[in-house]
Amino acid sequence: MRICVRLDWHVVQFIIVCLPSLAVYLVAQYARRKMKIMDAVKQKEREEAEKKALEEAEATKSQEELTEMKMRLGKIEETIKGIVLEAKKPSGNGPATRYTAVTRKNNIH
């Protein structure tokens, strides 16, 4: 009976000795799990920030392209207006003046 009591006492002492190490191990496992979760959240936030930055860059690029297109369109409109005004302007090359110019060349008066 005495051997059984001593064995139980040694088992209890062994468990008591292992408790601090077990506690440290469990805390480390808990911290590792929390760190993985936090890393996943940070990674997700980083990806969302990158996606948002790319969208903003594309929007800025499209705005620049739109501004450039408007400038080119304005230049084309100005050119067309100039051509229309030139066409409407009475010039010395009308049909009557052409006829007189041809007759002067041929010395037919």
Protein backbone atom coordinates (compact mmCIF):
# COMPACT_ATOMS: atom_id res chain seq x y z
CA MET A 1 0.00 0.00 0.00
CA ARG A 2 2.84 2.31 0.75
CA ILE A 3 4.23 1.91 -2.79
CA CYS A 4 0.89 2.92 -4.28
CA VAL A 5 0.78 6.10 -2.17
CA ARG A 6 4.31 7.02 -3.17
CA LEU A 7 3.50 6.44 -6.84
CA ASP A 8 0.43 8.66 -6.61
CA TRP A 9 2.50 11.36 -4.93
CA HIS A 10 5.07 11.23 -7.75
CA VAL A 11 2.36 11.45 -10.41
CA VAL A 12 0.87 14.48 -8.69
CA GLN A 13 4.28 16.12 -8.44
CA PHE A 14 4.95 15.37 -12.10
CA ILE A 15 1.66 16.99 -13.13
CA ILE A 16 2.40 20.02 -10.97
CA VAL A 17 5.84 20.38 -12.55
CA CYS A 18 4.38 20.13 -16.07
CA LEU A 19 1.60 22.70 -15.52
CA PRO A 20 3.72 25.85 -16.10
CA SER A 21 5.17 24.43 -19.30
CA LEU A 22 1.71 23.39 -20.45
CA ALA A 23 0.38 26.85 -19.66
CA VAL A 24 3.18 28.49 -21.66
CA TYR A 25 2.54 26.12 -24.57
CA LEU A 26 -1.20 26.84 -24.58
CA VAL A 27 -0.63 30.60 -24.42
CA ALA A 28 1.84 30.32 -27.31
CA GLN A 29 -0.68 28.35 -29.37
CA TYR A 30 -3.39 30.93 -28.61
CA ALA A 31 -1.06 33.79 -29.60
CA ARG A 32 -0.02 32.00 -32.79
CA ARG A 33 -3.67 31.53 -33.80
CA LYS A 34 -4.45 35.20 -33.09
CA MET A 35 -1.38 36.29 -35.08
CA LYS A 36 -2.49 34.23 -38.08
CA ILE A 37 -5.93 35.83 -37.93
CA MET A 38 -4.42 39.31 -37.67
CA ASP A 39 -2.05 38.59 -40.59
CA ALA A 40 -4.98 37.43 -42.70
CA VAL A 41 -6.92 40.60 -41.88
CA LYS A 42 -3.91 42.80 -42.69
CA GLN A 43 -3.36 40.94 -45.96
CA LYS A 44 -7.00 41.43 -46.89
CA GLU A 45 -6.79 45.15 -46.06
CA ARG A 46 -3.58 45.44 -48.11
CA GLU A 47 -5.25 43.76 -51.09
CA GLU A 48 -8.28 46.04 -50.79
CA ALA A 49 -6.01 49.10 -50.60
CA GLU A 50 -4.11 47.93 -53.69
CA LYS A 51 -7.36 47.34 -55.54
CA LYS A 52 -8.63 50.77 -54.56
CA ALA A 53 -5.34 52.39 -55.64
CA LEU A 54 -5.54 50.63 -59.01
CA GLU A 55 -9.12 51.79 -59.49
CA GLU A 56 -8.13 55.36 -58.64
CA ALA A 57 -5.20 55.17 -61.05
CA GLU A 58 -7.49 53.89 -63.79
CA ALA A 59 -10.01 56.64 -63.05
CA THR A 60 -7.26 59.27 -63.17
CA LYS A 61 -5.94 57.79 -66.40
CA SER A 62 -9.40 57.80 -67.95
CA GLN A 63 -9.89 61.41 -66.79
CA GLU A 64 -6.61 62.39 -68.46
CA GLU A 65 -7.62 60.59 -71.64
CA LEU A 66 -11.01 62.30 -71.56
CA THR A 67 -9.37 65.72 -71.11
CA GLU A 68 -7.00 65.01 -73.99
CA MET A 69 -9.91 63.88 -76.15
CA LYS A 70 -11.84 67.06 -75.35
CA MET A 71 -8.83 69.19 -76.28
CA ARG A 72 -8.44 67.37 -79.59
CA LEU A 73 -12.16 67.69 -80.28
CA GLY A 74 -12.00 71.42 -79.54
CA LYS A 75 -9.13 71.84 -82.01
CA ILE A 76 -11.06 69.91 -84.66
CA GLU A 77 -14.15 72.06 -84.06
CA GLU A 78 -12.06 75.23 -84.41
CA THR A 79 -10.60 73.94 -87.67
CA ILE A 80 -14.04 73.07 -89.02
CA LYS A 81 -15.40 76.50 -88.03
CA GLY A 82 -12.47 78.14 -89.81
CA ILE A 83 -13.16 76.10 -92.95
CA VAL A 84 -16.87 76.94 -92.83
CA LEU A 85 -16.13 80.66 -92.39
CA GLU A 86 -13.67 80.54 -95.29
CA ALA A 87 -16.27 78.85 -97.46
CA LYS A 88 -18.92 81.45 -96.55
CA LYS A 89 -16.55 84.38 -97.05
CA PRO A 90 -17.07 86.04 -100.44
CA SER A 91 -13.87 85.58 -102.33
CA GLY A 92 -12.63 86.85 -105.66
CA ASN A 93 -12.83 83.37 -107.11
CA GLY A 94 -16.57 83.40 -107.78
CA PRO A 95 -17.98 82.29 -111.19
CA ALA A 96 -18.03 85.81 -112.68
CA THR A 97 -14.45 86.55 -111.72
CA ARG A 98 -13.30 83.21 -113.02
CA TYR A 99 -14.82 83.99 -116.37
CA THR A 100 -13.12 87.37 -116.52
CA ALA A 101 -9.84 85.84 -115.41
CA VAL A 102 -10.02 83.28 -118.21
CA THR A 103 -10.89 85.93 -120.79
CA ARG A 104 -8.01 88.10 -119.70
CA LYS A 105 -5.63 85.21 -120.11
CA ASN A 106 -6.87 84.56 -123.61
CA ASN A 107 -7.02 88.29 -124.36
CA ILE A 108 -10.67 88.01 -125.26
CA HIS A 109 -12.43 91.07 -124.10
